[in-house]
Amino acid sequence: MSDTPDSAVRTYIEHHRAAFLDDLVEWLRIPSVSAQPDHATDVRRSADWLAAKLKETGFPTAEVWPTPGAPAVFAEWPSGDPQAPTVLVYGHHDVQPAAREDGWHSEPFEPVVRENRLYARGAADDKGQVFFHTLGVRAHLAATGRTAPAVNLKLLIEGEEESGSPHFRALVEERADRLVADAVIVSDTGMWSEDTPTVCTGMRGLAECEIRLYGPDQDIHSGSFGGAVPNPATAVARLVAALHDERGRVAIPGFYDGVIELTDRERTLFAELPFDEAQWLRTAKSHAAHGEAGHTTLERVWARPTAEVNGIGGGYQGPGSKTIIPSSAMVKLSFRLVAGQDPDHVEKSVRAWAAAQVPAGIRAEITFGSATRPCLTPLDHPALQSVVRAMGRAFEKPVRFTREGGSGPAADLQEVLGAPVLFLGISVPSDGWHAPDEKVELDLLLKGVETSAHLWGDLAEYWRHAP
C-alpha cells in the first residue's frame, strides 16, 4: 500500500530532520542582534546565510534587501500554475541581545539540545519559526511529486523587528510590486500550549505619547506661592486620574470610535480555552486581575483597547523633602488599539482630551512616536480555514483560536499590500522569548514543518474553487 500524503510528509521530515537541525544550529550561532551596533556585521552575515540557504532549498530568487538599518531577505519560488495564488511568508532573522551572565545555563549563541529542546537565542523568536518553512516546502514537493510549490511562494524576512521595525513600512512600500500577494503568513507568533494547538487571528496596534506640562519658569517655594499658582505635578496627576472612568473604560472622547466588537462566537471560543487565571497572575507577577468591566481577562488583553501609564514624574525625587512647586512634570502613555481603530484618529482624540484637562497657566507639549496599526482576520475567512486545516492535519487535534495582545509590523503588510494576514506559529509560552534560556520544543518545531508542508496545497485548492 502506498503512503498517504500525510504519512509521506512525515516520512520525508523524519529522513531530513538531522540535516535540518544542523542547518538551524549553524544559523543560530550567528549573533544577529539588531539593537547593538557592534553586531551590525553579524546581522548582515545572518541575512547572507539565509539567502544562500534559501537558494540551496530551491528558491530561484533569494536576495538581500538593504535598508537604512539592517538588511531584509526576500525569496520567491513561482508555482508555474497561472491560477495559483501568491502567498508571502513574513518573519525576522534578527534577535534580542543575550549574554551568559544574564542567567543562561549555556552560551546563548552556542545552541544545545537538552531533553528534546533546542536552547539558543532566536530558537523560537524567530529563526526556528522562519526556518521550518524551508523543510516544509521540500516535504510538500516530495509528498506531491511537484517540482515547484502549489502556490507562488514568497518570503520576506526582516532584520530589524527586535529594534521596532523602523524601516520596515518604507521597505514594503518601496518594494510593493515585488511583494504583491493574495495572503500573508506571519510566522512570528505562538500557540496556547503544547497540548492545545491554536491559530492567532489578530494583533493589537500601538500608539505612544509623552505629555510634558510646564508651569513656573523655575521651581518655586511652595510656602510663598503654593495654592496661588498652578502646579504641573498636580495637573499631571489629575490628567492620569481622568484617563479611565469608574468601570475601567478609557475616558478619552472618541477613543472607541470604529472599534470592532467581539462577536458572541469569539467570546465563546475564548472561554473554551483552558485558561487558569491564578497561574496567569503568577506569570504576570501581579496580585489581582483588573480592567474594563464586562470583559474577561483574555478579552481585555487580546481584543479590547487600553490606555496605560508607562511612566510619570515631576518635582523633587531625592531623599527627604524639598518644599517646591516644580516647574514641570511628565507622563508617558501607551495605547493598545484593536481592529477598527485608526491611530491618527486616536492621536487627535488624545491631543484634544489632554488640552481640555490642562488648567490655565500650564503649557502642554505632547509628542507621539510612530504608531502600529491593528490587524484582524475574520474567523470565517477561507484562507484562515486553510491554516486551521493544515495545522489540524499536523497535530491531529482540534485547532482553537487566540489573538495576540502585543503589536507588530503585520498590519503594515496588510495595509500596504491589501492582503489578509494569517498567523502560523508553533512556539509556546515556556519558550522564553527575550529571556534567558530561550528554547524551542523540537517536536513542535517539526509540527510547524508539517503544517507548512500541508498549507500550500490547501491554499491552492481553496483558490482554485473560490467563487
Protein backbone atom coordinates (compact mmCIF):
# COMPACT_ATOMS: atom_id res chain seq x y z
CA MET A 1 0.00 0.00 0.00
CA SER A 2 1.38 3.41 -0.93
CA ASP A 3 1.87 6.12 1.66
CA THR A 4 -0.93 8.62 2.28
CA PRO A 5 0.01 12.28 1.68
CA ASP A 6 0.24 12.86 5.43
CA SER A 7 2.49 9.86 6.05
CA ALA A 8 4.65 10.81 3.05
CA VAL A 9 5.19 14.25 4.55
CA ARG A 10 6.11 12.77 7.94
CA THR A 11 8.47 10.24 6.38
CA TYR A 12 10.28 12.96 4.44
CA ILE A 13 10.59 15.15 7.53
CA GLU A 14 11.96 12.29 9.63
CA HIS A 15 14.56 11.42 6.99
CA HIS A 16 15.75 15.03 6.78
CA ARG A 17 15.36 16.03 10.42
CA ALA A 18 19.04 15.80 11.33
CA ALA A 19 20.27 17.91 8.42
CA PHE A 20 17.52 20.47 9.05
CA LEU A 21 18.54 20.86 12.70
CA ASP A 22 22.22 21.05 11.80
CA ASP A 23 21.46 23.94 9.46
CA LEU A 24 19.32 25.70 12.05
CA VAL A 25 22.05 25.37 14.66
CA GLU A 26 24.53 26.92 12.23
CA TRP A 27 22.22 29.90 11.71
CA LEU A 28 21.56 30.30 15.44
CA ARG A 29 25.30 30.64 16.03
CA ILE A 30 25.24 33.99 14.21
CA PRO A 31 24.55 36.67 16.87
CA SER A 32 22.29 38.84 14.71
CA VAL A 33 21.42 41.38 17.42
CA SER A 34 19.96 44.34 15.54
CA ALA A 35 19.80 46.61 18.60
CA GLN A 36 23.56 46.57 19.17
CA PRO A 37 25.73 48.40 16.59
CA ASP A 38 28.67 46.09 17.34
CA HIS A 39 26.63 43.26 15.78
CA ALA A 40 25.78 45.05 12.52
CA THR A 41 28.11 42.80 10.55
CA ASP A 42 26.55 39.75 12.21
CA VAL A 43 23.06 40.84 11.14
CA ARG A 44 24.34 41.19 7.59
CA ARG A 45 26.02 37.79 7.86
CA SER A 46 22.72 36.30 9.04
CA ALA A 47 20.92 37.74 6.01
CA ASP A 48 23.59 36.43 3.64
CA TRP A 49 23.46 32.99 5.26
CA LEU A 50 19.67 32.78 4.92
CA ALA A 51 19.64 33.96 1.31
CA ALA A 52 22.22 31.30 0.40
CA LYS A 53 20.28 28.60 2.28
CA LEU A 54 17.02 29.54 0.55
CA LYS A 55 18.70 29.17 -2.83
CA GLU A 56 20.01 25.80 -1.71
CA THR A 57 16.45 24.89 -0.68
CA GLY A 58 15.29 25.55 -4.24
CA PHE A 59 14.12 29.16 -4.34
CA PRO A 60 15.18 30.51 -7.77
CA THR A 61 15.29 34.03 -6.34
CA ALA A 62 16.86 34.89 -2.98
CA GLU A 63 18.06 38.43 -2.40
CA VAL A 64 19.36 40.54 0.46
CA TRP A 65 17.49 43.85 0.50
CA PRO A 66 19.36 46.74 2.17
CA THR A 67 17.59 49.31 4.32
CA PRO A 68 18.96 52.40 6.11
CA GLY A 69 19.36 49.98 9.03
CA ALA A 70 19.67 46.19 8.93
CA PRO A 71 19.03 44.16 5.77
CA ALA A 72 16.00 42.02 4.99
CA VAL A 73 15.88 38.85 2.90
CA PHE A 74 13.47 38.31 0.02
CA ALA A 75 12.93 34.99 -1.74
CA GLU A 76 10.50 33.86 -4.43
CA TRP A 77 9.55 30.47 -5.90
CA PRO A 78 6.90 30.68 -8.65
CA SER A 79 4.40 27.86 -8.89
CA GLY A 80 4.23 27.69 -12.66
CA ASP A 81 0.43 27.44 -12.39
CA PRO A 82 -1.23 30.59 -13.78
CA GLN A 83 -4.18 30.08 -11.40
CA ALA A 84 -2.06 29.63 -8.29
CA PRO A 85 -2.41 32.21 -5.50
CA THR A 86 0.60 34.13 -4.26
CA VAL A 87 1.49 33.75 -0.58
CA LEU A 88 4.04 35.86 1.29
CA VAL A 89 5.64 34.49 4.48
CA TYR A 90 6.87 37.11 6.98
CA GLY A 91 9.37 36.57 9.80
CA HIS A 92 12.57 38.12 11.10
CA HIS A 93 16.18 37.00 11.38
CA ASP A 94 17.39 39.49 13.99
CA VAL A 95 17.35 38.54 17.67
CA GLN A 96 17.33 40.11 21.11
CA PRO A 97 20.60 40.77 22.98
CA ALA A 98 21.81 37.86 25.11
CA ALA A 99 24.78 37.08 27.33
CA ARG A 100 25.66 34.16 29.61
CA GLU A 101 25.68 36.44 32.66
CA ASP A 102 22.01 37.30 32.05
CA GLY A 103 21.13 33.93 33.59
CA TRP A 104 21.63 31.49 30.71
CA HIS A 105 22.68 27.93 31.59
CA SER A 106 24.65 27.74 28.35
CA GLU A 107 26.12 30.21 25.89
CA PRO A 108 23.16 31.87 24.10
CA PHE A 109 24.81 31.64 20.69
CA GLU A 110 26.15 28.10 21.15
CA PRO A 111 22.96 26.08 20.63
CA VAL A 112 22.49 22.96 22.76
CA VAL A 113 19.81 20.29 22.88
CA ARG A 114 18.56 19.18 26.29
CA GLU A 115 15.52 16.93 26.78
CA ASN A 116 14.44 17.36 23.15
CA ARG A 117 14.57 21.14 23.42
CA LEU A 118 16.88 23.38 21.43
CA TYR A 119 18.27 26.22 23.56
CA ALA A 120 19.66 29.32 21.84
CA ARG A 121 18.79 32.96 21.31
CA GLY A 122 16.45 33.03 18.33
CA ALA A 123 15.45 29.36 18.58
CA ALA A 124 11.79 30.34 18.88
CA ASP A 125 11.89 34.09 18.17
CA ASP A 126 12.17 33.89 15.26
CA LYS A 127 14.79 31.87 13.39
CA GLY A 128 13.29 28.48 14.23
CA GLN A 129 9.85 29.56 13.06
CA VAL A 130 11.24 31.07 9.86
CA PHE A 131 13.40 28.08 9.10
CA PHE A 132 10.69 25.42 9.40
CA HIS A 133 9.32 26.69 6.10
CA THR A 134 12.46 25.53 4.28
CA LEU A 135 11.93 21.88 5.18
CA GLY A 136 8.17 22.33 4.91
CA VAL A 137 8.27 23.32 1.25
CA ARG A 138 10.63 20.45 0.42
CA ALA A 139 8.31 17.99 2.19
CA HIS A 140 5.39 19.48 0.25
CA LEU A 141 7.21 18.84 -3.04
CA ALA A 142 8.28 15.32 -2.08
CA ALA A 143 4.77 14.28 -0.98
CA THR A 144 3.01 15.72 -4.05
CA GLY A 145 5.60 14.98 -6.73
CA ARG A 146 5.66 18.64 -7.71
CA THR A 147 8.79 20.43 -8.88
CA ALA A 148 7.52 23.81 -7.64
CA PRO A 149 5.16 24.79 -4.82
CA ALA A 150 1.41 24.70 -5.33
CA VAL A 151 1.39 28.46 -4.61
CA ASN A 152 3.63 31.26 -5.78
CA LEU A 153 5.69 31.33 -2.59
CA LYS A 154 7.48 34.45 -1.37
CA LEU A 155 9.40 35.14 1.83
CA LEU A 156 10.19 38.50 3.43
CA ILE A 157 12.44 38.05 6.46
CA GLU A 158 13.09 41.31 8.27
CA GLY A 159 16.31 42.30 10.02
CA GLU A 160 15.04 44.96 12.44
CA GLU A 161 11.94 43.55 14.14
CA GLU A 162 13.65 43.43 17.54
CA SER A 163 14.55 47.11 17.10
CA GLY A 164 11.00 48.23 16.41
CA SER A 165 10.99 47.75 12.61
CA PRO A 166 11.91 51.42 11.99
CA HIS A 167 12.41 50.97 8.23
CA PHE A 168 10.00 48.13 7.54
CA ARG A 169 6.97 50.01 6.26
CA ALA A 170 9.12 52.11 3.93
CA LEU A 171 10.70 48.91 2.62
CA VAL A 172 7.29 47.33 1.99
CA GLU A 173 6.06 50.47 0.22
CA GLU A 174 9.22 50.73 -1.88
CA ARG A 175 9.12 47.04 -2.89
CA ALA A 176 5.35 46.61 -3.05
CA ASP A 177 5.48 45.48 -6.68
CA ARG A 178 7.75 42.57 -5.71
CA LEU A 179 5.75 41.74 -2.58
CA VAL A 180 2.26 41.66 -4.07
CA ALA A 181 0.38 38.70 -2.57
CA ASP A 182 -3.07 37.23 -2.12
CA ALA A 183 -2.36 36.30 1.51
CA VAL A 184 0.37 36.88 4.10
CA ILE A 185 1.52 34.21 6.54
CA VAL A 186 3.18 35.59 9.69
CA SER A 187 5.36 33.04 11.45
CA ASP A 188 6.30 35.12 14.48
CA THR A 189 3.63 34.11 16.98
CA GLY A 190 2.87 31.15 19.18
CA MET A 191 0.32 28.62 20.37
CA TRP A 192 -1.63 28.37 23.58
CA SER A 193 0.26 25.30 24.81
CA GLU A 194 1.88 22.07 23.68
CA ASP A 195 -1.42 20.24 24.10
CA THR A 196 -3.64 22.94 22.62
CA PRO A 197 -2.73 23.95 19.06
CA THR A 198 -4.10 27.37 18.23
CA VAL A 199 -4.14 29.87 15.40
CA CYS A 200 -3.83 33.57 16.17
CA THR A 201 -6.37 35.71 14.34
CA GLY A 202 -5.17 39.21 15.17
CA MET A 203 -2.75 41.56 16.86
CA ARG A 204 -3.40 44.87 18.56
CA GLY A 205 -1.94 48.11 17.31
CA LEU A 206 0.05 50.59 19.36
CA ALA A 207 0.28 54.35 19.81
CA GLU A 208 2.59 56.02 22.32
CA CYS A 209 3.00 59.56 23.56
CA GLU A 210 4.76 61.69 26.13
CA ILE A 211 2.96 64.62 27.71
CA ARG A 212 5.03 67.33 29.38
CA LEU A 213 3.38 70.05 31.41
CA TYR A 214 5.16 73.33 32.22
CA GLY A 215 4.16 75.80 34.94
CA PRO A 216 6.52 78.30 36.60
CA ASP A 217 9.70 79.17 34.72
CA GLN A 218 11.66 77.50 37.55
CA ASP A 219 10.99 75.52 40.74
CA ILE A 220 9.49 77.92 43.27
CA HIS A 221 8.86 77.99 47.03
CA SER A 222 5.65 76.16 47.98
CA GLY A 223 5.15 78.34 51.05
CA SER A 224 5.38 81.63 49.17
CA PHE A 225 3.47 80.54 46.06
CA GLY A 226 1.66 77.28 46.85
CA GLY A 227 -2.10 77.40 46.43
CA ALA A 228 -1.83 80.56 44.38
CA VAL A 229 -0.29 79.32 41.09
CA PRO A 230 -0.97 76.13 39.07
CA ASN A 231 1.22 73.14 39.88
CA PRO A 232 2.23 71.00 36.84
CA ALA A 233 2.72 67.89 39.00
CA THR A 234 -0.84 68.21 40.30
CA ALA A 235 -2.05 68.75 36.74
CA VAL A 236 -0.33 65.56 35.60
CA ALA A 237 -1.91 63.63 38.46
CA ARG A 238 -5.35 64.92 37.50
CA LEU A 239 -4.68 64.10 33.87
CA VAL A 240 -3.86 60.50 34.76
CA ALA A 241 -6.87 60.27 37.11
CA ALA A 242 -9.12 61.32 34.22
CA LEU A 243 -7.75 58.64 31.87
CA HIS A 244 -10.32 55.97 32.90
CA ASP A 245 -13.86 56.03 34.21
CA GLU A 246 -15.13 54.05 37.20
CA ARG A 247 -15.74 50.96 35.00
CA GLY A 248 -12.20 50.87 33.70
CA ARG A 249 -13.07 52.24 30.27
CA VAL A 250 -10.78 54.76 28.62
CA ALA A 251 -12.48 58.12 29.17
CA ILE A 252 -10.96 59.93 26.17
CA PRO A 253 -13.84 61.12 23.93
CA GLY A 254 -13.66 59.42 20.54
CA PHE A 255 -11.19 56.76 21.68
CA TYR A 256 -13.54 53.85 20.93
CA ASP A 257 -14.64 55.17 17.54
CA GLY A 258 -14.63 52.34 14.98
CA VAL A 259 -13.85 49.53 17.44
CA ILE A 260 -14.91 46.16 16.05
CA GLU A 261 -16.61 44.47 18.98
CA LEU A 262 -16.16 40.79 19.79
CA THR A 263 -18.84 38.53 18.40
CA ASP A 264 -20.66 36.07 20.63
CA ARG A 265 -18.84 33.25 18.82
CA GLU A 266 -15.44 34.78 19.51
CA ARG A 267 -16.26 35.24 23.18
CA THR A 268 -17.38 31.61 23.35
CA LEU A 269 -14.19 30.39 21.67
CA PHE A 270 -12.03 32.41 24.08
CA ALA A 271 -13.97 30.96 27.01
CA GLU A 272 -13.30 27.41 25.79
CA LEU A 273 -9.54 27.81 26.18
CA PRO A 274 -8.06 26.18 29.31
CA PHE A 275 -7.24 29.49 30.98
CA ASP A 276 -6.06 29.43 34.59
CA GLU A 277 -6.29 32.99 35.86
CA ALA A 278 -4.39 32.24 39.08
CA GLN A 279 -1.49 30.84 37.05
CA TRP A 280 -1.68 33.78 34.68
CA LEU A 281 -1.44 36.19 37.61
CA ARG A 282 1.64 34.36 38.87
CA THR A 283 3.23 34.76 35.45
CA ALA A 284 2.27 38.44 35.48
CA LYS A 285 3.77 38.85 38.98
CA SER A 286 0.50 40.56 39.91
CA HIS A 287 -1.85 40.04 42.83
CA ALA A 288 -5.17 40.81 41.15
CA ALA A 289 -6.83 41.00 37.76
CA HIS A 290 -8.15 44.40 36.75
CA GLY A 291 -9.54 46.19 33.73
CA GLU A 292 -12.58 47.14 31.73
CA ALA A 293 -15.76 45.88 33.35
CA GLY A 294 -17.84 43.38 31.43
CA HIS A 295 -14.88 41.60 29.84
CA THR A 296 -12.79 38.60 30.83
CA THR A 297 -9.03 38.77 31.25
CA LEU A 298 -8.40 37.17 27.86
CA GLU A 299 -10.79 39.58 26.18
CA ARG A 300 -9.04 42.51 27.85
CA VAL A 301 -5.55 41.54 26.68
CA TRP A 302 -6.49 40.32 23.20
CA ALA A 303 -9.49 42.23 21.93
CA ARG A 304 -10.03 45.43 23.91
CA PRO A 305 -8.21 48.75 23.52
CA THR A 306 -6.28 50.02 26.51
CA ALA A 307 -4.54 53.10 27.88
CA GLU A 308 -1.62 52.59 30.25
CA VAL A 309 0.66 54.88 32.22
CA ASN A 310 4.21 53.77 31.43
CA GLY A 311 5.99 56.43 33.47
CA ILE A 312 5.21 59.54 35.48
CA GLY A 313 7.34 62.12 37.21
CA GLY A 314 7.88 65.70 38.25
CA GLY A 315 9.43 67.71 41.02
CA TYR A 316 11.85 66.62 43.70
CA GLN A 317 12.66 62.90 43.79
CA GLY A 318 15.58 62.78 46.25
CA PRO A 319 15.71 61.83 49.93
CA GLY A 320 13.95 63.96 52.47
CA SER A 321 11.73 66.86 51.46
CA LYS A 322 12.12 69.87 49.23
CA THR A 323 9.10 72.13 49.51
CA ILE A 324 8.73 73.36 45.97
CA ILE A 325 6.23 73.76 43.21
CA PRO A 326 8.05 72.10 40.32
CA SER A 327 8.43 73.88 37.02
CA SER A 328 7.44 70.81 35.01
CA ALA A 329 6.03 67.30 35.16
CA MET A 330 5.53 64.50 32.65
CA VAL A 331 3.70 61.29 31.90
CA LYS A 332 4.31 58.61 29.25
CA LEU A 333 1.22 56.85 27.90
CA SER A 334 0.71 53.92 25.58
CA PHE A 335 -2.50 52.87 23.85
CA ARG A 336 -3.12 49.34 22.56
CA LEU A 337 -5.54 49.51 19.66
CA VAL A 338 -7.90 46.92 18.22
CA ALA A 339 -9.36 46.35 14.77
CA GLY A 340 -11.34 49.33 13.55
CA GLN A 341 -9.31 51.95 15.41
CA ASP A 342 -7.27 54.47 13.44
CA PRO A 343 -4.02 55.58 15.15
CA ASP A 344 -4.29 59.04 13.58
CA HIS A 345 -7.78 59.48 14.98
CA VAL A 346 -6.63 58.23 18.39
CA GLU A 347 -3.79 60.76 18.37
CA LYS A 348 -6.18 63.62 17.60
CA SER A 349 -8.54 62.42 20.33
CA VAL A 350 -5.74 62.26 22.90
CA ARG A 351 -4.48 65.71 22.00
CA ALA A 352 -7.94 67.23 22.30
CA TRP A 353 -8.61 65.41 25.59
CA ALA A 354 -5.29 66.49 27.11
CA ALA A 355 -5.80 70.09 26.08
CA ALA A 356 -9.18 70.09 27.83
CA GLN A 357 -7.62 68.73 31.04
CA VAL A 358 -4.81 71.28 31.32
CA PRO A 359 -5.64 74.29 33.53
CA ALA A 360 -4.87 77.89 32.62
CA GLY A 361 -1.27 78.78 33.32
CA ILE A 362 0.04 75.33 32.36
CA ARG A 363 1.61 74.79 28.95
CA ALA A 364 1.44 71.30 27.45
CA GLU A 365 3.73 69.62 24.93
CA ILE A 366 2.58 66.27 23.51
CA THR A 367 4.91 64.11 21.43
CA PHE A 368 3.71 60.97 19.64
CA GLY A 369 6.02 58.30 18.27
CA SER A 370 5.36 56.15 15.23
CA ALA A 371 2.22 54.02 15.51
CA THR A 372 1.44 50.40 14.66
CA ARG A 373 -1.95 49.57 13.22
CA PRO A 374 -4.05 46.64 14.49
CA CYS A 375 -4.88 43.72 12.24
CA LEU A 376 -7.60 41.08 12.39
CA THR A 377 -8.54 38.10 10.22
CA PRO A 378 -12.24 37.18 10.41
CA LEU A 379 -12.86 33.67 11.71
CA ASP A 380 -14.76 32.71 8.58
CA HIS A 381 -12.06 33.83 6.13
CA PRO A 382 -11.41 30.88 3.77
CA ALA A 383 -7.62 31.34 3.83
CA LEU A 384 -7.69 31.18 7.63
CA GLN A 385 -9.52 27.90 7.36
CA SER A 386 -6.63 26.59 5.23
CA VAL A 387 -4.23 27.33 8.07
CA VAL A 388 -6.56 25.63 10.54
CA ARG A 389 -6.88 22.51 8.37
CA ALA A 390 -3.11 22.30 7.79
CA MET A 391 -2.37 22.61 11.50
CA GLY A 392 -5.10 20.09 12.35
CA ARG A 393 -3.53 17.53 9.99
CA ALA A 394 -0.12 18.06 11.58
CA PHE A 395 -1.23 17.97 15.21
CA GLU A 396 -4.14 15.56 14.77
CA LYS A 397 -6.13 17.64 17.27
CA PRO A 398 -8.82 20.30 17.11
CA VAL A 399 -7.35 23.74 16.50
CA ARG A 400 -8.61 26.65 18.59
CA PHE A 401 -8.27 30.40 18.16
CA THR A 402 -6.38 33.13 20.02
CA ARG A 403 -5.26 36.68 19.47
CA GLU A 404 -2.05 38.48 20.44
CA GLY A 405 -2.16 41.32 22.94
CA GLY A 406 1.09 42.78 21.64
CA SER A 407 1.82 44.61 18.42
CA GLY A 408 3.97 44.01 15.37
CA PRO A 409 4.55 45.02 11.76
CA ALA A 410 1.99 42.58 10.32
CA ALA A 411 -0.53 45.41 9.93
CA ASP A 412 1.86 47.25 7.59
CA LEU A 413 1.80 44.25 5.26
CA GLN A 414 -1.99 44.08 5.45
CA GLU A 415 -2.43 47.78 4.76
CA VAL A 416 0.19 48.28 2.03
CA LEU A 417 -0.38 45.01 0.17
CA GLY A 418 -4.13 44.82 0.73
CA ALA A 419 -3.88 41.13 1.63
CA PRO A 420 -5.28 39.23 4.62
CA VAL A 421 -2.75 38.39 7.32
CA LEU A 422 -2.76 34.85 8.69
CA PHE A 423 -0.68 33.69 11.64
CA LEU A 424 1.18 30.39 11.79
CA GLY A 425 3.33 29.91 14.88
CA ILE A 426 4.26 26.88 16.97
CA SER A 427 6.07 28.50 19.89
CA VAL A 428 4.67 28.04 23.40
CA PRO A 429 4.82 30.41 26.41
CA SER A 430 7.56 28.42 28.13
CA ASP A 431 9.93 29.10 25.20
CA GLY A 432 11.03 32.29 26.93
CA TRP A 433 11.15 34.85 24.15
CA HIS A 434 13.57 37.67 25.06
CA ALA A 435 14.51 35.81 28.27
CA PRO A 436 17.48 33.71 29.36
CA ASP A 437 17.40 30.08 28.16
CA GLU A 438 15.16 30.77 25.17
CA LYS A 439 14.31 27.45 23.56
CA VAL A 440 12.06 25.70 21.09
CA GLU A 441 10.39 22.33 21.58
CA LEU A 442 11.78 20.16 18.79
CA ASP A 443 8.60 18.11 18.42
CA LEU A 444 6.59 21.29 17.96
CA LEU A 445 9.15 22.71 15.55
CA LEU A 446 8.69 19.66 13.35
CA LYS A 447 4.91 20.03 13.63
CA GLY A 448 5.48 23.51 12.21
CA VAL A 449 7.36 21.92 9.32
CA GLU A 450 4.46 19.53 8.77
CA THR A 451 1.88 22.31 8.90
CA SER A 452 3.84 24.30 6.34
CA ALA A 453 4.05 21.25 4.07
CA HIS A 454 0.25 20.84 4.12
CA LEU A 455 -0.62 24.51 3.84
CA TRP A 456 0.47 25.32 0.30
CA GLY A 457 -1.65 22.63 -1.33
CA ASP A 458 -4.67 23.52 0.78
CA LEU A 459 -4.42 27.23 -0.09
CA ALA A 460 -4.03 26.42 -3.78
CA GLU A 461 -7.09 24.18 -3.67
CA TYR A 462 -9.14 26.86 -1.92
CA TRP A 463 -8.21 29.47 -4.53
CA ARG A 464 -8.96 27.09 -7.37
CA HIS A 465 -12.55 26.65 -6.16
CA ALA A 466 -13.11 30.09 -4.69
CA PRO A 467 -16.17 31.92 -6.06
